[in-house]
Amino acid sequence: MINRINPNLLNDTLNLVQLAQETARQRGSQKQVEKLDPVVNQLRTIVNSERDTKPVPNAGIMAQDDFKTLLTVTQVRKTPPAGTTNFAERNQLVNALSAGGMADTDIARNLGVTRDEVRMVLNLADLSKKVGR
């Protein structure tokens, strides 16, 4: 069974091949332009057909309902006024999202904090595990 290719990757590949074709055209290499024509046309057909189909559902922890709920809560939650943040709750959320496989940059973006803050929370959690608290 062949897995579907991410539509963004397909689109990026199409753009790259079109750029190569345009570069060949600018350099006056008509033979190279003609060689790339069928590739561009086939990629364009594939990209357009991928846009018309439903996306493949995520597998693994990112597809689990409880993780989706946690992610939704972080995306919907508004940033509280300065000084009213519940740090313990935020730190638990950071650790849960990281344990779920989310990258530190995505966690920072979703929670509205810096990447360094996320890393600090994760490092403190690791240190606490090692010390045995």
Protein backbone atom coordinates (compact mmCIF):
# COMPACT_ATOMS: atom_id res chain seq x y z
CA MET A 1 0.00 0.00 0.00
CA ILE A 2 1.37 3.39 -0.98
CA ASN A 3 1.06 6.18 1.56
CA ARG A 4 -0.22 9.51 0.35
CA ILE A 5 2.31 12.30 0.00
CA ASN A 6 1.76 15.47 1.98
CA PRO A 7 0.03 17.98 -0.37
CA ASN A 8 2.36 20.76 0.81
CA LEU A 9 5.38 18.73 -0.26
CA LEU A 10 3.80 18.05 -3.63
CA ASN A 11 3.07 21.73 -4.12
CA ASP A 12 6.62 22.68 -3.08
CA THR A 13 8.02 20.13 -5.54
CA LEU A 14 5.86 21.55 -8.31
CA ASN A 15 7.09 25.06 -7.50
CA LEU A 16 10.70 23.88 -7.51
CA VAL A 17 10.40 22.15 -10.88
CA GLN A 18 8.61 25.18 -12.33
CA LEU A 19 11.46 27.35 -11.06
CA ALA A 20 14.00 25.05 -12.71
CA GLN A 21 12.00 25.24 -15.93
CA GLU A 22 11.84 29.03 -15.79
CA THR A 23 15.57 29.21 -15.10
CA ALA A 24 16.23 27.05 -18.15
CA ARG A 25 13.96 29.31 -20.19
CA GLN A 26 15.85 32.42 -19.02
CA ARG A 27 19.17 30.82 -19.91
CA GLY A 28 17.89 29.98 -23.38
CA SER A 29 17.94 26.21 -22.95
CA GLN A 30 14.77 25.31 -24.85
CA LYS A 31 15.69 21.61 -24.82
CA GLN A 32 15.70 21.59 -20.97
CA VAL A 33 12.40 23.51 -20.90
CA GLU A 34 10.82 20.86 -23.14
CA LYS A 35 12.18 18.06 -20.96
CA LEU A 36 10.60 19.61 -17.88
CA ASP A 37 7.19 20.24 -19.51
CA PRO A 38 5.77 16.73 -18.92
CA VAL A 39 7.11 16.70 -15.35
CA VAL A 40 5.45 20.04 -14.58
CA ASN A 41 2.19 18.94 -16.18
CA GLN A 42 2.08 15.64 -14.27
CA LEU A 43 2.96 17.29 -10.98
CA ARG A 44 0.30 19.94 -11.55
CA THR A 45 -2.27 17.17 -12.17
CA ILE A 46 -1.24 15.36 -8.99
CA VAL A 47 -1.31 18.54 -6.89
CA ASN A 48 -4.77 19.44 -8.21
CA SER A 49 -6.11 15.93 -7.56
CA GLU A 50 -4.68 15.99 -4.01
CA ARG A 51 -6.51 19.26 -3.33
CA ASP A 52 -9.79 17.59 -4.29
CA THR A 53 -9.39 14.57 -2.00
CA LYS A 54 -9.88 14.37 1.75
CA PRO A 55 -6.75 14.52 3.90
CA VAL A 56 -5.41 11.34 5.44
CA PRO A 57 -6.21 11.25 9.18
CA ASN A 58 -3.27 11.58 11.55
CA ALA A 59 -2.06 8.45 13.25
CA GLY A 60 -0.49 7.99 16.64
CA ILE A 61 -0.84 10.20 19.67
CA MET A 62 -1.68 13.31 17.63
CA ALA A 63 -4.90 11.58 16.48
CA GLN A 64 -6.12 10.61 19.94
CA ASP A 65 -9.21 12.45 21.13
CA ASP A 66 -7.77 13.49 24.50
CA PHE A 67 -4.70 14.99 22.86
CA LYS A 68 -6.87 16.81 20.32
CA THR A 69 -8.95 18.21 23.17
CA LEU A 70 -5.83 19.41 24.98
CA LEU A 71 -4.54 21.01 21.79
CA THR A 72 -7.90 22.69 21.14
CA VAL A 73 -7.97 24.13 24.66
CA THR A 74 -4.54 25.66 24.18
CA GLN A 75 -5.53 27.17 20.84
CA VAL A 76 -8.85 28.57 22.04
CA ARG A 77 -7.67 29.91 25.39
CA LYS A 78 -7.11 33.65 25.42
CA THR A 79 -3.98 35.06 27.00
CA PRO A 80 -4.82 36.22 30.52
CA PRO A 81 -3.84 39.69 31.74
CA ALA A 82 -0.24 40.04 32.90
CA GLY A 83 0.42 38.64 36.37
CA THR A 84 -2.62 36.35 36.44
CA THR A 85 -1.11 33.34 34.67
CA ASN A 86 -1.33 30.04 36.53
CA PHE A 87 2.24 28.87 36.03
CA ALA A 88 1.70 25.38 37.42
CA GLU A 89 -1.16 24.77 34.99
CA ARG A 90 0.84 26.16 32.09
CA ASN A 91 3.86 24.03 32.99
CA GLN A 92 1.70 20.90 33.15
CA LEU A 93 0.28 21.78 29.76
CA VAL A 94 3.78 22.29 28.31
CA ASN A 95 4.89 18.90 29.64
CA ALA A 96 1.73 17.16 28.37
CA LEU A 97 2.06 18.64 24.88
CA SER A 98 5.74 17.72 24.75
CA ALA A 99 5.00 14.17 25.92
CA GLY A 100 2.43 14.02 23.13
CA GLY A 101 5.12 14.66 20.57
CA MET A 102 4.57 18.35 19.88
CA ALA A 103 7.70 20.35 19.04
CA ASP A 104 8.82 23.08 21.43
CA THR A 105 8.29 25.75 18.77
CA ASP A 106 4.66 24.65 18.29
CA ILE A 107 4.07 24.58 22.04
CA ALA A 108 5.49 28.10 22.37
CA ARG A 109 3.34 29.37 19.51
CA ASN A 110 0.15 27.79 20.86
CA LEU A 111 0.68 29.03 24.42
CA GLY A 112 1.96 32.46 23.46
CA VAL A 113 5.29 32.05 25.26
CA THR A 114 8.86 32.01 24.06
CA ARG A 115 10.66 28.87 22.95
CA ASP A 116 13.18 29.42 25.74
CA GLU A 117 10.38 29.36 28.34
CA VAL A 118 9.14 26.07 26.94
CA ARG A 119 12.64 24.59 27.00
CA MET A 120 13.15 25.78 30.57
CA VAL A 121 9.94 24.10 31.72
CA LEU A 122 10.89 20.87 29.96
CA ASN A 123 14.42 20.95 31.39
CA LEU A 124 13.07 21.52 34.90
CA ALA A 125 10.69 18.59 34.48
CA ASP A 126 13.58 16.36 33.37
CA LEU A 127 15.69 17.53 36.30
CA SER A 128 12.84 16.82 38.72
CA LYS A 129 12.55 13.27 37.38
CA LYS A 130 16.28 12.70 37.83
CA VAL A 131 16.30 14.05 41.39
CA GLY A 132 13.22 11.94 42.20
CA ARG A 133 10.88 14.60 43.50
